Each structure stands twice: as structure tokens, then as C-alpha cells.
């Protein structure tokens, strides 16, 4: 057991040099509900930040698909600010799109994300849905 002590000491010295801003948890993105509104469809997203990093930007490129499988419309949605270890509900209006015309929603890309870069954010997002299918 005493031989492990030097290794534990070395690891404790290296911990402060872990990458700054490294997110330790995922981002849950749930399409919770679709509701008809004048001129379109309101989507309610439940966004869950399981990590210890707050986001100043989380800008997503979403694409809707109609029930026949054809691409419907494309939207850019900003879901930040998002505090660390916090869950929030963010409504977003799909203008000029009826809720009945939304069968699936594709998380096409992360347009902007801060502090991590967009590719890292895309890997952290875990899409789920209680309404139309949400996938990436």
C-alpha cells in the first residue's frame, strides 16, 4: 500500500492542470410539447445541463420533417443562457408551420456554443422527445 502513495501524490499535483471549462456532464434536450399558436407551432424544449459549466451560447440548427418524410422547414434556436447543473423550459415558435406538419425534428448542427466549441457541444447533447421525434 505505501507504494501507491507516490502515485496518488503525482495525480493530485496534475489535477489543477485539467482542461479549463471541461464539461463533466451532458446536455439533455427534450422536445416536450408542441402547441398550436396563431401563425405556427410552439415547441417547448426542456433543457437539462448536468454539468458544472454554464453556457453563454447554445445556438442550434433544427430541421423539421413532415409526416411524409419530406423536409419541412429549418430554424435556428438559441437556448442559452443555461446555468450549470440546471434544468429550464425554453419555448420556441416554428413560424408558419402547423404542429400537425411536424413529425420529426433533426438537430442538424450546433451553430454556436460557448464556452466549449460547437462540435464538443453536439457530442454532449442527448436528444429525447415526448412529442415529435427529436434526433441527431
C-alpha atoms as a PDB file:
ATOM      1  CA  UNK A   1       0.000   0.000   0.000  1.00  0.00           C
ATOM      2  CA  UNK A   2       2.791   2.525   0.717  1.00  0.00           C
ATOM      3  CA  UNK A   3       3.996   2.152  -2.908  1.00  0.00           C
ATOM      4  CA  UNK A   4       0.699   3.693  -4.141  1.00  0.00           C
ATOM      5  CA  UNK A   5       1.227   6.855  -2.122  1.00  0.00           C
ATOM      6  CA  UNK A   6       3.677   8.448  -4.604  1.00  0.00           C
ATOM      7  CA  UNK A   7       1.241   7.849  -7.492  1.00  0.00           C
ATOM      8  CA  UNK A   8      -1.642   9.429  -5.591  1.00  0.00           C
ATOM      9  CA  UNK A   9       0.581  12.396  -4.821  1.00  0.00           C
ATOM     10  CA  UNK A  10       1.539  12.833  -8.505  1.00  0.00           C
ATOM     11  CA  UNK A  11      -2.099  12.635  -9.617  1.00  0.00           C
ATOM     12  CA  UNK A  12      -3.098  15.248  -7.042  1.00  0.00           C
ATOM     13  CA  UNK A  13      -0.427  17.556  -8.451  1.00  0.00           C
ATOM     14  CA  UNK A  14      -1.700  17.118 -12.027  1.00  0.00           C
ATOM     15  CA  UNK A  15      -5.408  17.703 -11.313  1.00  0.00           C
ATOM     16  CA  UNK A  16      -5.149  21.506 -11.394  1.00  0.00           C
ATOM     17  CA  UNK A  17      -3.900  21.212 -14.985  1.00  0.00           C
ATOM     18  CA  UNK A  18      -7.058  19.559 -16.304  1.00  0.00           C
ATOM     19  CA  UNK A  19      -8.505  21.456 -19.288  1.00  0.00           C
ATOM     20  CA  UNK A  20     -10.317  24.612 -18.186  1.00  0.00           C
ATOM     21  CA  UNK A  21     -14.004  24.654 -18.985  1.00  0.00           C
ATOM     22  CA  UNK A  22     -14.223  20.897 -19.421  1.00  0.00           C
ATOM     23  CA  UNK A  23     -17.862  19.887 -19.110  1.00  0.00           C
ATOM     24  CA  UNK A  24     -18.334  16.866 -16.870  1.00  0.00           C
ATOM     25  CA  UNK A  25     -21.968  16.077 -17.753  1.00  0.00           C
ATOM     26  CA  UNK A  26     -24.242  16.002 -20.754  1.00  0.00           C
ATOM     27  CA  UNK A  27     -26.934  18.329 -22.012  1.00  0.00           C
ATOM     28  CA  UNK A  28     -30.391  16.792 -22.107  1.00  0.00           C
ATOM     29  CA  UNK A  29     -32.562  18.267 -24.867  1.00  0.00           C
ATOM     30  CA  UNK A  30     -36.182  17.138 -24.698  1.00  0.00           C
ATOM     31  CA  UNK A  31     -38.861  18.199 -27.152  1.00  0.00           C
ATOM     32  CA  UNK A  32     -41.585  18.123 -24.518  1.00  0.00           C
ATOM     33  CA  UNK A  33     -44.673  19.548 -26.205  1.00  0.00           C
ATOM     34  CA  UNK A  34     -45.996  21.054 -29.422  1.00  0.00           C
ATOM     35  CA  UNK A  35     -48.873  23.547 -29.178  1.00  0.00           C
ATOM     36  CA  UNK A  36     -50.720  25.352 -31.964  1.00  0.00           C
ATOM     37  CA  UNK A  37     -50.439  29.142 -31.836  1.00  0.00           C
ATOM     38  CA  UNK A  38     -51.508  31.861 -34.250  1.00  0.00           C
ATOM     39  CA  UNK A  39     -49.361  31.511 -37.314  1.00  0.00           C
ATOM     40  CA  UNK A  40     -47.436  28.419 -36.310  1.00  0.00           C
ATOM     41  CA  UNK A  41     -46.472  25.844 -33.734  1.00  0.00           C
ATOM     42  CA  UNK A  42     -44.877  26.478 -30.351  1.00  0.00           C
ATOM     43  CA  UNK A  43     -42.322  23.896 -29.249  1.00  0.00           C
ATOM     44  CA  UNK A  44     -41.438  23.561 -25.584  1.00  0.00           C
ATOM     45  CA  UNK A  45     -37.891  22.319 -25.029  1.00  0.00           C
ATOM     46  CA  UNK A  46     -36.744  21.058 -21.627  1.00  0.00           C
ATOM     47  CA  UNK A  47     -33.008  21.727 -21.495  1.00  0.00           C
ATOM     48  CA  UNK A  48     -31.071  19.999 -18.731  1.00  0.00           C
ATOM     49  CA  UNK A  49     -27.455  20.909 -18.038  1.00  0.00           C
ATOM     50  CA  UNK A  50     -25.999  18.063 -15.988  1.00  0.00           C
ATOM     51  CA  UNK A  51     -22.534  19.585 -15.952  1.00  0.00           C
ATOM     52  CA  UNK A  52     -20.610  22.142 -13.989  1.00  0.00           C
ATOM     53  CA  UNK A  53     -20.214  24.591 -16.898  1.00  0.00           C
ATOM     54  CA  UNK A  54     -22.655  27.438 -17.563  1.00  0.00           C
ATOM     55  CA  UNK A  55     -23.366  28.162 -21.240  1.00  0.00           C
ATOM     56  CA  UNK A  56     -23.449  31.704 -22.600  1.00  0.00           C
ATOM     57  CA  UNK A  57     -24.447  30.401 -26.023  1.00  0.00           C
ATOM     58  CA  UNK A  58     -26.182  27.244 -27.220  1.00  0.00           C
ATOM     59  CA  UNK A  59     -27.454  28.018 -30.719  1.00  0.00           C
ATOM     60  CA  UNK A  60     -28.952  25.069 -32.601  1.00  0.00           C
ATOM     61  CA  UNK A  61     -29.858  24.457 -36.242  1.00  0.00           C
ATOM     62  CA  UNK A  62     -33.111  22.444 -36.312  1.00  0.00           C
ATOM     63  CA  UNK A  63     -34.850  20.930 -39.339  1.00  0.00           C
ATOM     64  CA  UNK A  64     -38.464  19.729 -39.268  1.00  0.00           C
ATOM     65  CA  UNK A  65     -39.742  16.784 -41.281  1.00  0.00           C
ATOM     66  CA  UNK A  66     -43.350  16.356 -42.381  1.00  0.00           C
ATOM     67  CA  UNK A  67     -45.276  13.104 -41.777  1.00  0.00           C
ATOM     68  CA  UNK A  68     -44.487  12.028 -45.381  1.00  0.00           C
ATOM     69  CA  UNK A  69     -40.746  12.237 -44.585  1.00  0.00           C
ATOM     70  CA  UNK A  70     -40.080  15.348 -46.665  1.00  0.00           C
ATOM     71  CA  UNK A  71     -38.057  18.196 -45.144  1.00  0.00           C
ATOM     72  CA  UNK A  72     -40.413  20.851 -43.820  1.00  0.00           C
ATOM     73  CA  UNK A  73     -38.581  23.895 -42.516  1.00  0.00           C
ATOM     74  CA  UNK A  74     -35.305  24.969 -40.961  1.00  0.00           C
ATOM     75  CA  UNK A  75     -34.937  27.069 -37.799  1.00  0.00           C
ATOM     76  CA  UNK A  76     -32.156  28.446 -35.647  1.00  0.00           C
ATOM     77  CA  UNK A  77     -32.871  28.261 -31.903  1.00  0.00           C
ATOM     78  CA  UNK A  78     -30.842  29.932 -29.127  1.00  0.00           C
ATOM     79  CA  UNK A  79     -31.282  28.024 -25.858  1.00  0.00           C
ATOM     80  CA  UNK A  80     -28.784  29.917 -23.675  1.00  0.00           C
ATOM     81  CA  UNK A  81     -28.135  31.254 -21.173  1.00  0.00           C
ATOM     82  CA  UNK A  82     -28.019  27.909 -19.390  1.00  0.00           C
ATOM     83  CA  UNK A  83     -26.702  27.740 -15.841  1.00  0.00           C
ATOM     84  CA  UNK A  84     -24.587  24.858 -14.571  1.00  0.00           C
ATOM     85  CA  UNK A  85     -26.477  21.928 -13.040  1.00  0.00           C
ATOM     86  CA  UNK A  86     -29.840  23.451 -14.026  1.00  0.00           C
ATOM     87  CA  UNK A  87     -32.978  22.476 -15.955  1.00  0.00           C
ATOM     88  CA  UNK A  88     -35.038  25.079 -17.827  1.00  0.00           C
ATOM     89  CA  UNK A  89     -38.019  25.148 -20.185  1.00  0.00           C
ATOM     90  CA  UNK A  90     -37.498  27.170 -23.373  1.00  0.00           C
ATOM     91  CA  UNK A  91     -40.438  27.842 -25.715  1.00  0.00           C
ATOM     92  CA  UNK A  92     -39.754  28.426 -29.409  1.00  0.00           C
ATOM     93  CA  UNK A  93     -42.210  29.264 -32.186  1.00  0.00           C
ATOM     94  CA  UNK A  94     -41.950  27.451 -35.508  1.00  0.00           C
ATOM     95  CA  UNK A  95     -43.463  30.278 -37.564  1.00  0.00           C
ATOM     96  CA  UNK A  96     -45.746  29.368 -40.474  1.00  0.00           C
ATOM     97  CA  UNK A  97     -45.626  25.650 -39.613  1.00  0.00           C
ATOM     98  CA  UNK A  98     -48.657  23.775 -38.285  1.00  0.00           C
ATOM     99  CA  UNK A  99     -47.954  21.343 -35.436  1.00  0.00           C
ATOM    100  CA  UNK A 100     -49.645  18.585 -37.458  1.00  0.00           C
ATOM    101  CA  UNK A 101     -46.977  19.120 -40.142  1.00  0.00           C
ATOM    102  CA  UNK A 102     -44.141  18.244 -37.714  1.00  0.00           C
ATOM    103  CA  UNK A 103     -43.432  14.538 -37.470  1.00  0.00           C
ATOM    104  CA  UNK A 104     -39.706  14.641 -36.640  1.00  0.00           C
ATOM    105  CA  UNK A 105     -37.143  17.299 -35.715  1.00  0.00           C
ATOM    106  CA  UNK A 106     -33.470  16.893 -36.601  1.00  0.00           C
ATOM    107  CA  UNK A 107     -30.747  18.516 -34.523  1.00  0.00           C
ATOM    108  CA  UNK A 108     -28.795  19.331 -37.687  1.00  0.00           C
ATOM    109  CA  UNK A 109     -25.920  21.266 -36.123  1.00  0.00           C
ATOM    110  CA  UNK A 110     -24.724  23.324 -33.213  1.00  0.00           C
ATOM    111  CA  UNK A 111     -24.230  26.768 -34.770  1.00  0.00           C
ATOM    112  CA  UNK A 112     -22.613  28.349 -31.725  1.00  0.00           C
ATOM    113  CA  UNK A 113     -21.686  27.174 -28.270  1.00  0.00           C
ATOM    114  CA  UNK A 114     -19.748  28.886 -25.504  1.00  0.00           C
ATOM    115  CA  UNK A 115     -17.613  28.134 -23.654  1.00  0.00           C
ATOM    116  CA  UNK A 116     -16.891  24.818 -25.470  1.00  0.00           C
ATOM    117  CA  UNK A 117     -16.724  24.747 -29.252  1.00  0.00           C
ATOM    118  CA  UNK A 118     -19.773  23.587 -31.293  1.00  0.00           C
ATOM    119  CA  UNK A 119     -18.512  20.068 -32.085  1.00  0.00           C
ATOM    120  CA  UNK A 120     -17.990  19.377 -28.377  1.00  0.00           C
ATOM    121  CA  UNK A 121     -21.496  20.641 -27.597  1.00  0.00           C
ATOM    122  CA  UNK A 122     -23.012  18.413 -30.289  1.00  0.00           C
ATOM    123  CA  UNK A 123     -21.397  15.377 -28.654  1.00  0.00           C
ATOM    124  CA  UNK A 124     -22.789  16.390 -25.236  1.00  0.00           C
ATOM    125  CA  UNK A 125     -26.422  16.777 -26.373  1.00  0.00           C
ATOM    126  CA  UNK A 126     -28.719  13.849 -25.611  1.00  0.00           C
ATOM    127  CA  UNK A 127     -31.991  14.337 -27.561  1.00  0.00           C
ATOM    128  CA  UNK A 128     -35.296  12.871 -26.365  1.00  0.00           C
ATOM    129  CA  UNK A 129     -38.936  13.673 -27.023  1.00  0.00           C
ATOM    130  CA  UNK A 130     -42.441  13.381 -25.642  1.00  0.00           C
ATOM    131  CA  UNK A 131     -43.845  15.000 -28.803  1.00  0.00           C
ATOM    132  CA  UNK A 132     -42.488  14.615 -32.349  1.00  0.00           C
ATOM    133  CA  UNK A 133     -39.324  12.539 -32.671  1.00  0.00           C
ATOM    134  CA  UNK A 134     -36.154  14.546 -31.923  1.00  0.00           C
ATOM    135  CA  UNK A 135     -32.917  13.096 -33.253  1.00  0.00           C
ATOM    136  CA  UNK A 136     -29.374  13.978 -34.333  1.00  0.00           C
END
